[in-house]
Amino acid sequence: MLRLAILLALLAGVSVAFQTSFNAAAQRDLGPLVLVAISGLMTGVVGLVVSLVVARPEFTGQSVGYALASGVLGAVIVGTIAFAAGQGGVARALSLVVGTQLIVSLVLDSLGVFGAGAASLSLLRVLGVVLILVGGVLVVRY
């Protein structure tokens, strides 16, 4: 199961890079708002069909609320990354996104927010993020 998780994470990384490139190109003609609407609609339709067929989820008020909040954040993510990538390039935009994401993720993990198991904030985890951030700075500057 760990191998599958690793492969899926790698697929997500490749997908994010391509999606960001597609979004940057599309937003030049469509603008970020229309891009978010079209992209979000496609994501929602595909996700809903797959989840209803495969997962057969149990709907609760809290889980639906989290899903709605995730959708709003998804619109923010797609729109802002598309705009940033269109202005400064895909690598620069994703470096800034990933760096920020890792910092916030360390905080959320250490607090155990939203029911995730709390992960201790260790020196090695912080060092790992710092090394990734240093790489991001190199991408942004050069």
Protein backbone atom coordinates (compact mmCIF):
# COMPACT_ATOMS: atom_id res chain seq x y z
CA MET A 1 0.00 0.00 0.00
CA LEU A 2 2.93 2.35 0.70
CA ARG A 3 4.23 1.86 -2.85
CA LEU A 4 0.84 2.81 -4.26
CA ALA A 5 0.78 5.92 -2.06
CA ILE A 6 4.25 6.91 -3.29
CA LEU A 7 3.29 6.36 -6.92
CA LEU A 8 0.10 8.37 -6.50
CA ALA A 9 2.05 11.21 -4.82
CA LEU A 10 4.49 11.25 -7.77
CA LEU A 11 1.57 11.27 -10.21
CA ALA A 12 0.09 14.21 -8.30
CA GLY A 13 3.38 16.09 -8.58
CA VAL A 14 3.52 15.57 -12.34
CA SER A 15 -0.16 16.49 -12.63
CA VAL A 16 0.32 19.73 -10.66
CA ALA A 17 3.16 20.82 -12.95
CA PHE A 18 1.10 20.13 -16.09
CA GLN A 19 -2.07 21.62 -14.59
CA THR A 20 -0.21 24.78 -13.67
CA SER A 21 1.13 25.09 -17.21
CA PHE A 22 -2.34 24.53 -18.69
CA ASN A 23 -3.86 27.02 -16.26
CA ALA A 24 -1.24 29.69 -16.96
CA ALA A 25 -1.87 29.38 -20.70
CA ALA A 26 -5.67 29.31 -20.36
CA GLN A 27 -5.88 32.27 -17.99
CA ARG A 28 -4.15 34.53 -20.50
CA ASP A 29 -7.25 34.31 -22.73
CA LEU A 30 -9.97 33.41 -20.25
CA GLY A 31 -8.81 35.31 -17.19
CA PRO A 32 -8.46 33.68 -13.79
CA LEU A 33 -12.16 33.80 -12.86
CA VAL A 34 -13.48 31.98 -15.94
CA LEU A 35 -10.58 29.52 -15.74
CA VAL A 36 -11.47 28.70 -12.13
CA ALA A 37 -15.12 28.20 -13.07
CA ILE A 38 -14.40 25.85 -15.96
CA SER A 39 -11.64 23.96 -14.15
CA GLY A 40 -13.70 23.66 -10.98
CA LEU A 41 -16.72 22.40 -12.88
CA MET A 42 -14.67 19.69 -14.56
CA THR A 43 -13.01 18.72 -11.28
CA GLY A 44 -16.37 18.56 -9.54
CA VAL A 45 -18.08 16.45 -12.18
CA VAL A 46 -15.23 13.93 -12.48
CA GLY A 47 -14.71 13.75 -8.72
CA LEU A 48 -18.39 13.32 -7.95
CA VAL A 49 -18.91 10.58 -10.53
CA VAL A 50 -15.84 8.63 -9.42
CA SER A 51 -16.63 8.99 -5.72
CA LEU A 52 -20.26 7.98 -6.02
CA VAL A 53 -19.39 4.91 -8.10
CA VAL A 54 -16.25 3.79 -6.28
CA ALA A 55 -16.37 5.06 -2.70
CA ARG A 56 -20.08 5.23 -1.86
CA PRO A 57 -19.44 7.87 0.81
CA GLU A 58 -21.47 8.54 3.94
CA PHE A 59 -22.54 12.18 3.98
CA THR A 60 -22.40 14.04 7.31
CA GLY A 61 -22.79 17.74 8.02
CA GLN A 62 -19.17 18.18 9.08
CA SER A 63 -17.71 16.26 6.14
CA VAL A 64 -19.85 18.17 3.64
CA GLY A 65 -18.74 21.44 5.27
CA TYR A 66 -15.10 20.41 4.92
CA ALA A 67 -15.72 19.47 1.29
CA LEU A 68 -17.33 22.84 0.56
CA ALA A 69 -14.46 24.70 2.23
CA SER A 70 -12.02 22.60 0.20
CA GLY A 71 -13.83 23.60 -2.98
CA VAL A 72 -13.57 27.29 -2.14
CA LEU A 73 -9.87 26.86 -1.38
CA GLY A 74 -9.47 24.90 -4.62
CA ALA A 75 -10.85 27.86 -6.55
CA VAL A 76 -8.43 30.18 -4.77
CA ILE A 77 -5.54 27.80 -5.44
CA VAL A 78 -6.27 27.34 -9.14
CA GLY A 79 -6.89 31.03 -9.77
CA THR A 80 -3.91 32.36 -7.85
CA ILE A 81 -1.43 29.79 -9.15
CA ALA A 82 -2.62 30.30 -12.73
CA PHE A 83 -2.17 34.05 -12.38
CA ALA A 84 1.24 33.77 -10.68
CA ALA A 85 2.51 31.20 -13.20
CA GLY A 86 1.30 33.35 -16.08
CA GLN A 87 3.27 36.30 -14.74
CA GLY A 88 6.44 34.70 -13.40
CA GLY A 89 6.65 31.15 -14.74
CA VAL A 90 5.53 27.76 -13.51
CA ALA A 91 8.66 26.84 -11.53
CA ARG A 92 8.72 30.17 -9.69
CA ALA A 93 5.01 30.02 -8.83
CA LEU A 94 5.12 26.41 -7.65
CA SER A 95 8.28 27.00 -5.61
CA LEU A 96 6.54 29.75 -3.68
CA VAL A 97 3.36 27.67 -3.31
CA VAL A 98 5.18 24.56 -2.11
CA GLY A 99 7.33 26.51 0.34
CA THR A 100 4.31 28.20 1.88
CA GLN A 101 2.38 24.93 1.86
CA LEU A 102 5.14 23.13 3.76
CA ILE A 103 5.41 25.80 6.45
CA VAL A 104 1.66 25.84 7.06
CA SER A 105 1.54 22.04 6.90
CA LEU A 106 4.13 21.70 9.66
CA VAL A 107 2.03 23.93 11.89
CA LEU A 108 -1.23 22.11 11.09
CA ASP A 109 0.40 18.69 11.60
CA SER A 110 1.92 19.72 14.93
CA LEU A 111 -1.46 20.96 16.15
CA GLY A 112 -3.40 17.97 14.82
CA VAL A 113 -5.92 20.29 13.14
CA PHE A 114 -9.10 18.90 11.53
CA GLY A 115 -8.74 15.44 13.04
CA ALA A 116 -5.38 14.58 11.52
CA GLY A 117 -3.06 12.76 13.85
CA ALA A 118 -0.69 15.22 15.49
CA ALA A 119 2.88 14.86 14.27
CA SER A 120 5.59 16.26 16.48
CA LEU A 121 7.53 19.25 15.25
CA SER A 122 11.03 17.77 15.21
CA LEU A 123 14.32 19.36 14.25
CA LEU A 124 14.69 16.95 11.31
CA ARG A 125 11.24 17.82 9.92
CA VAL A 126 12.01 21.54 10.19
CA LEU A 127 15.42 20.99 8.58
CA GLY A 128 13.79 19.09 5.72
CA VAL A 129 11.44 22.00 5.05
CA VAL A 130 14.32 24.50 5.31
CA LEU A 131 16.29 22.56 2.68
CA ILE A 132 13.29 22.54 0.35
CA LEU A 133 12.83 26.27 0.94
CA VAL A 134 16.49 26.91 0.08
CA GLY A 135 15.93 25.07 -3.20
CA GLY A 136 12.81 27.18 -3.78
CA VAL A 137 14.77 30.39 -3.22
CA LEU A 138 17.30 29.26 -5.82
CA VAL A 139 14.50 28.61 -8.32
CA VAL A 140 12.85 31.98 -7.62
CA ARG A 141 16.06 34.00 -7.79
CA TYR A 142 17.87 32.30 -10.66
